[in-house]
Amino acid sequence: MAELINGRAYAKEINRDTQQRVERLKQHGIQPKMAVLLVGDDPASKIYTRTKQKKAAQLGIDCLLKAYPASVTQEEIMAEIQQLNEDPHVNAIMVQEPLPDHLENMALVRQIAPEKDVDGFHPVNVGKLYNNFPGHYPVSCTPRGIVMALDHYNVPLAGANVVIIGRSILVGRPLQSLLINRDATVTICGRKTNNIKDRLKTADIVVVAAGKPGLVNGDNLKEGAVVIDVGINRLPSGKLVGDVDFDSAQQVASLITPVPGGIGPLTVAVMEAQTVDLTEWQNE
């Protein structure tokens, strides 16, 4: 029976550290501030941004929400981002997804100053991660949270055989770079990858971020594997589940993340912590 990776409990530890760092900054007259740009009326996005605002306030971080109608133009959002880039009191900027179809997301990401890119999606920051540059730069929050959780639970990464299912720029690709930089051997799989189940059978660590409930079950796993489930899917019954069949996987794995309560809370905690990182680096 696998031990649970308790994302909620570990997120609380991260948040306590973040709050202490915020207090130290305030003693030097520095107030961390994040700006979130929200476009349209997507209900999930509204809930997520409210969660960010609430958590930021609890930790002592200012969170400026800039809300726009779905009809806003690319030029208007680009101009707003540039104003935030130039505002010395704003340390972190993010654009909440999803966006209306007429907005080009990557152009907006490129508009954010790399040193204020709290999501770690700017090409400059992605390039630094890919090339394992030394120094300070932000990294995509979910992958960073996954690696922090593996470290927290003392999972060896050097020499580990890792299989990631999902090649997105949000999770799979940056996580691949983070793990390679830690001397893991990483296989990243997509929809057209052949023999995924055979690959899973040799994996010490399995990360699933494909958006398909029940994609991986216990029969697919190597005995004692560490299973990280990034998927969040709502079934017709209303129940939230991941991409892994939890009950069967728990019988085989040594460590496993639940859904909900696994990686989700860590992503929010890491984003708040990374806001403080950016503030510290900008005022170094």
Protein backbone atom coordinates (compact mmCIF):
# COMPACT_ATOMS: atom_id res chain seq x y z
CA MET A 1 0.00 0.00 0.00
CA ALA A 2 1.50 3.30 -1.13
CA GLU A 3 2.22 6.22 1.16
CA LEU A 4 0.31 9.37 0.20
CA ILE A 5 2.19 12.45 -0.96
CA ASN A 6 0.16 14.96 1.03
CA GLY A 7 0.20 18.09 -1.12
CA ARG A 8 -1.97 20.07 1.24
CA ALA A 9 0.30 19.48 4.22
CA TYR A 10 3.49 20.23 2.29
CA ALA A 11 1.89 23.35 0.76
CA LYS A 12 1.26 24.63 4.29
CA GLU A 13 4.98 24.26 5.04
CA ILE A 14 5.88 26.16 1.88
CA ASN A 15 3.35 28.86 2.75
CA ARG A 16 4.77 29.29 6.25
CA ASP A 17 8.23 29.80 4.78
CA THR A 18 6.83 32.24 2.21
CA GLN A 19 5.08 34.25 4.91
CA GLN A 20 8.30 34.51 6.93
CA ARG A 21 10.19 35.70 3.84
CA VAL A 22 7.50 38.31 3.19
CA GLU A 23 7.87 39.61 6.74
CA ARG A 24 11.63 39.92 6.30
CA LEU A 25 11.14 41.88 3.08
CA LYS A 26 8.65 44.20 4.77
CA GLN A 27 11.23 44.94 7.46
CA HIS A 28 13.33 46.40 4.65
CA GLY A 29 10.40 48.42 3.29
CA ILE A 30 9.70 45.99 0.41
CA GLN A 31 6.15 44.79 -0.32
CA PRO A 32 5.86 41.83 -2.73
CA LYS A 33 3.18 42.43 -5.33
CA MET A 34 1.68 40.20 -8.01
CA ALA A 35 -0.50 41.33 -10.93
CA VAL A 36 -2.99 38.88 -12.45
CA LEU A 37 -4.67 39.64 -15.79
CA LEU A 38 -8.07 37.97 -16.19
CA VAL A 39 -9.93 38.14 -19.52
CA GLY A 40 -13.54 37.08 -19.95
CA ASP A 41 -16.02 35.29 -17.72
CA ASP A 42 -14.69 31.74 -17.47
CA PRO A 43 -16.08 30.45 -14.13
CA ALA A 44 -13.07 28.24 -13.34
CA SER A 45 -10.68 31.11 -14.01
CA LYS A 46 -12.62 33.39 -11.70
CA ILE A 47 -12.49 30.81 -8.92
CA TYR A 48 -8.77 30.24 -9.46
CA THR A 49 -7.93 33.94 -9.40
CA ARG A 50 -9.99 34.44 -6.24
CA THR A 51 -8.06 31.58 -4.65
CA LYS A 52 -4.77 33.25 -5.61
CA GLN A 53 -5.91 36.59 -4.20
CA LYS A 54 -7.08 35.03 -0.94
CA LYS A 55 -3.89 33.04 -0.44
CA ALA A 56 -1.69 36.03 -1.36
CA ALA A 57 -3.48 38.17 1.22
CA GLN A 58 -2.97 35.50 3.90
CA LEU A 59 0.75 35.47 3.14
CA GLY A 60 1.11 39.26 3.07
CA ILE A 61 1.50 39.54 -0.72
CA ASP A 62 -0.37 42.25 -2.59
CA CYS A 63 -2.37 40.80 -5.49
CA LEU A 64 -3.61 43.22 -8.14
CA LEU A 65 -6.38 41.76 -10.30
CA LYS A 66 -6.85 43.40 -13.70
CA ALA A 67 -10.11 42.10 -15.18
CA TYR A 68 -11.12 42.69 -18.80
CA PRO A 69 -14.14 41.80 -20.94
CA ALA A 70 -13.75 39.02 -23.50
CA SER A 71 -13.83 41.68 -26.23
CA VAL A 72 -10.53 43.26 -25.13
CA THR A 73 -7.98 43.57 -27.93
CA GLN A 74 -4.50 42.10 -28.12
CA GLU A 75 -3.06 45.62 -28.26
CA GLU A 76 -4.87 46.67 -25.06
CA ILE A 77 -3.57 43.68 -23.09
CA MET A 78 -0.05 44.12 -24.48
CA ALA A 79 -0.08 47.78 -23.41
CA GLU A 80 -1.29 46.83 -19.93
CA ILE A 81 1.50 44.28 -19.53
CA GLN A 82 4.07 46.87 -20.59
CA GLN A 83 2.78 49.30 -17.95
CA LEU A 84 3.12 46.55 -15.33
CA ASN A 85 6.63 45.78 -16.58
CA GLU A 86 7.57 49.40 -15.97
CA ASP A 87 5.89 49.62 -12.54
CA PRO A 88 8.65 49.19 -9.93
CA HIS A 89 6.08 48.15 -7.32
CA VAL A 90 4.92 45.11 -9.34
CA ASN A 91 7.23 42.12 -8.93
CA ALA A 92 5.29 39.34 -10.64
CA ILE A 93 2.92 39.23 -13.63
CA MET A 94 0.76 36.42 -14.94
CA VAL A 95 -1.98 36.08 -17.55
CA GLN A 96 -4.76 33.73 -16.45
CA GLU A 97 -5.74 31.08 -18.97
CA PRO A 98 -7.86 30.16 -20.86
CA LEU A 99 -8.02 33.21 -23.11
CA PRO A 100 -10.53 34.10 -25.83
CA ASP A 101 -9.58 32.70 -29.24
CA HIS A 102 -8.70 36.09 -30.71
CA LEU A 103 -5.87 36.63 -28.20
CA GLU A 104 -2.44 35.15 -28.93
CA ASN A 105 -1.26 33.70 -25.66
CA MET A 106 2.43 33.30 -26.51
CA ALA A 107 2.67 36.91 -27.66
CA LEU A 108 1.33 38.00 -24.27
CA VAL A 109 3.81 35.73 -22.49
CA ARG A 110 6.68 37.21 -24.51
CA GLN A 111 5.50 40.69 -23.53
CA ILE A 112 6.02 39.98 -19.83
CA ALA A 113 9.47 41.02 -18.61
CA PRO A 114 11.43 37.78 -17.93
CA GLU A 115 12.32 38.95 -14.43
CA LYS A 116 8.59 39.34 -13.61
CA ASP A 117 7.42 36.11 -15.29
CA VAL A 118 5.97 34.28 -12.28
CA ASP A 119 4.71 31.38 -14.43
CA GLY A 120 8.16 30.76 -15.91
CA PHE A 121 6.81 30.60 -19.47
CA HIS A 122 8.83 33.39 -21.11
CA PRO A 123 11.17 32.00 -23.81
CA VAL A 124 14.18 33.49 -22.01
CA ASN A 125 13.35 31.60 -18.81
CA VAL A 126 12.45 28.41 -20.68
CA GLY A 127 15.79 28.61 -22.48
CA LYS A 128 17.70 29.05 -19.23
CA LEU A 129 15.95 26.01 -17.76
CA TYR A 130 16.60 23.92 -20.88
CA ASN A 131 20.29 24.85 -20.85
CA ASN A 132 20.56 24.44 -17.06
CA PHE A 133 21.89 27.98 -16.67
CA PRO A 134 23.24 28.92 -13.25
CA GLY A 135 21.65 31.81 -11.37
CA HIS A 136 18.11 32.88 -10.59
CA TYR A 137 15.12 32.59 -12.93
CA PRO A 138 11.50 31.47 -12.53
CA VAL A 139 10.36 27.97 -13.48
CA SER A 140 6.89 26.70 -14.36
CA CYS A 141 5.13 26.28 -11.02
CA THR A 142 3.59 22.81 -11.34
CA PRO A 143 6.84 21.10 -12.45
CA ARG A 144 8.76 22.95 -9.76
CA GLY A 145 6.21 21.80 -7.19
CA ILE A 146 6.55 18.19 -8.38
CA VAL A 147 10.33 18.21 -7.99
CA MET A 148 10.05 19.89 -4.58
CA ALA A 149 7.60 17.18 -3.49
CA LEU A 150 9.92 14.41 -4.69
CA ASP A 151 12.76 16.00 -2.73
CA HIS A 152 10.54 16.45 0.33
CA TYR A 153 9.71 12.73 0.32
CA ASN A 154 13.36 11.80 -0.28
CA VAL A 155 12.82 10.26 -3.71
CA PRO A 156 16.21 9.82 -5.43
CA LEU A 157 16.33 11.59 -8.80
CA ALA A 158 19.89 10.99 -10.00
CA GLY A 159 19.83 7.82 -12.08
CA ALA A 160 16.05 7.38 -11.72
CA ASN A 161 14.12 6.13 -14.73
CA VAL A 162 11.21 8.58 -15.19
CA VAL A 163 8.28 8.34 -17.61
CA ILE A 164 6.17 11.46 -18.17
CA ILE A 165 2.87 11.14 -20.03
CA GLY A 166 1.97 14.55 -21.44
CA ARG A 167 4.19 16.88 -23.48
CA SER A 168 2.63 20.26 -22.67
CA ILE A 169 4.67 23.39 -22.11
CA LEU A 170 2.85 23.75 -18.78
CA VAL A 171 4.01 20.49 -17.22
CA GLY A 172 5.68 17.80 -19.32
CA ARG A 173 8.40 19.71 -21.12
CA PRO A 174 9.65 21.90 -18.25
CA LEU A 175 9.48 18.91 -15.89
CA GLN A 176 11.59 16.92 -18.32
CA SER A 177 14.28 19.62 -18.19
CA LEU A 178 14.16 19.90 -14.40
CA LEU A 179 14.63 16.15 -14.02
CA ILE A 180 17.35 15.88 -16.64
CA ASN A 181 19.16 18.69 -14.85
CA ARG A 182 19.03 16.45 -11.76
CA ASP A 183 20.59 13.51 -13.67
CA ALA A 184 17.40 11.51 -14.12
CA THR A 185 16.78 9.48 -17.29
CA VAL A 186 13.53 10.81 -18.72
CA THR A 187 11.14 9.43 -21.33
CA ILE A 188 8.35 11.80 -22.33
CA CYS A 189 5.30 10.30 -24.04
CA GLY A 190 2.52 11.77 -26.16
CA ARG A 191 -0.62 10.47 -27.80
CA LYS A 192 1.30 8.80 -30.62
CA THR A 193 3.97 7.15 -28.48
CA ASN A 194 4.06 3.40 -29.04
CA ASN A 195 4.12 0.85 -26.21
CA ILE A 196 3.51 3.32 -23.40
CA LYS A 197 2.52 0.50 -21.05
CA ASP A 198 5.84 -1.28 -21.67
CA ARG A 199 7.69 1.93 -20.84
CA LEU A 200 5.72 2.38 -17.63
CA LYS A 201 6.73 -1.09 -16.43
CA THR A 202 10.37 0.05 -16.19
CA ALA A 203 9.72 3.45 -14.61
CA ASP A 204 10.86 4.28 -11.08
CA ILE A 205 8.82 7.51 -11.24
CA VAL A 206 5.65 8.01 -13.32
CA VAL A 207 4.16 11.45 -13.93
CA VAL A 208 0.79 11.58 -15.69
CA ALA A 209 -0.48 14.91 -17.06
CA ALA A 210 -2.64 13.92 -20.01
CA GLY A 211 -6.16 14.97 -18.98
CA LYS A 212 -7.66 11.51 -19.39
CA PRO A 213 -9.19 9.80 -16.32
CA GLY A 214 -8.05 6.25 -15.65
CA LEU A 215 -5.27 6.39 -18.24
CA VAL A 216 -2.84 4.56 -15.92
CA ASN A 217 -3.73 1.78 -13.49
CA GLY A 218 -1.87 -0.50 -11.13
CA ASP A 219 -1.31 -3.21 -13.75
CA ASN A 220 0.76 -0.73 -15.80
CA LEU A 221 3.19 0.08 -12.99
CA LYS A 222 6.48 -1.30 -11.76
CA GLU A 223 6.28 -2.54 -8.17
CA GLY A 224 7.29 0.30 -5.84
CA ALA A 225 7.04 3.08 -8.43
CA VAL A 226 6.44 6.67 -7.36
CA VAL A 227 3.27 7.99 -9.03
CA ILE A 228 2.60 11.69 -9.57
CA ASP A 229 -0.90 12.39 -10.89
CA VAL A 230 -1.29 15.90 -12.32
CA GLY A 231 -4.66 15.28 -13.98
CA ILE A 232 -7.84 16.93 -12.73
CA ASN A 233 -11.00 15.55 -14.33
CA ARG A 234 -14.62 15.92 -13.26
CA LEU A 235 -16.74 12.83 -13.85
CA PRO A 236 -20.46 13.03 -14.76
CA SER A 237 -21.18 12.24 -11.10
CA GLY A 238 -19.33 15.42 -10.14
CA LYS A 239 -16.43 13.56 -8.54
CA LEU A 240 -12.91 14.91 -9.14
CA VAL A 241 -10.38 12.31 -10.26
CA GLY A 242 -6.92 12.31 -11.77
CA ASP A 243 -5.44 10.53 -14.77
CA VAL A 244 -4.45 7.54 -12.62
CA ASP A 245 -6.82 4.89 -11.31
CA PHE A 246 -5.97 5.63 -7.70
CA ASP A 247 -7.30 2.48 -6.02
CA SER A 248 -5.37 0.03 -8.19
CA ALA A 249 -2.22 2.16 -8.43
CA GLN A 250 -2.08 2.58 -4.66
CA GLN A 251 -1.72 -1.20 -4.30
CA VAL A 252 1.47 -1.23 -6.40
CA ALA A 253 3.17 2.16 -5.88
CA SER A 254 5.42 3.15 -2.99
CA LEU A 255 4.32 6.81 -3.08
CA ILE A 256 1.33 8.36 -4.82
CA THR A 257 -0.40 11.73 -5.05
CA PRO A 258 -4.15 11.87 -4.42
CA VAL A 259 -6.56 13.93 -6.52
CA PRO A 260 -7.61 16.33 -5.16
CA GLY A 261 -5.07 17.26 -2.50
CA GLY A 262 -1.87 16.31 -4.28
CA ILE A 263 -0.16 18.51 -6.83
CA GLY A 264 -2.88 21.19 -7.02
CA PRO A 265 -2.20 22.83 -3.64
CA LEU A 266 1.55 22.73 -4.35
CA THR A 267 1.13 24.64 -7.61
CA VAL A 268 -0.57 27.55 -5.83
CA ALA A 269 1.95 27.52 -2.98
CA VAL A 270 4.89 27.50 -5.39
CA MET A 271 3.44 30.43 -7.35
CA GLU A 272 3.17 32.52 -4.19
CA ALA A 273 6.70 31.48 -3.17
CA GLN A 274 8.00 32.33 -6.64
CA THR A 275 6.44 35.78 -6.37
CA VAL A 276 8.62 36.29 -3.30
CA ASP A 277 11.60 34.82 -5.17
CA LEU A 278 11.16 37.42 -7.91
CA THR A 279 10.84 40.19 -5.33
CA GLU A 280 14.04 39.12 -3.59
CA TRP A 281 15.97 38.82 -6.86
CA GLN A 282 14.78 42.23 -8.06
CA ASN A 283 15.91 43.80 -4.79
CA GLU A 284 19.07 41.77 -4.33
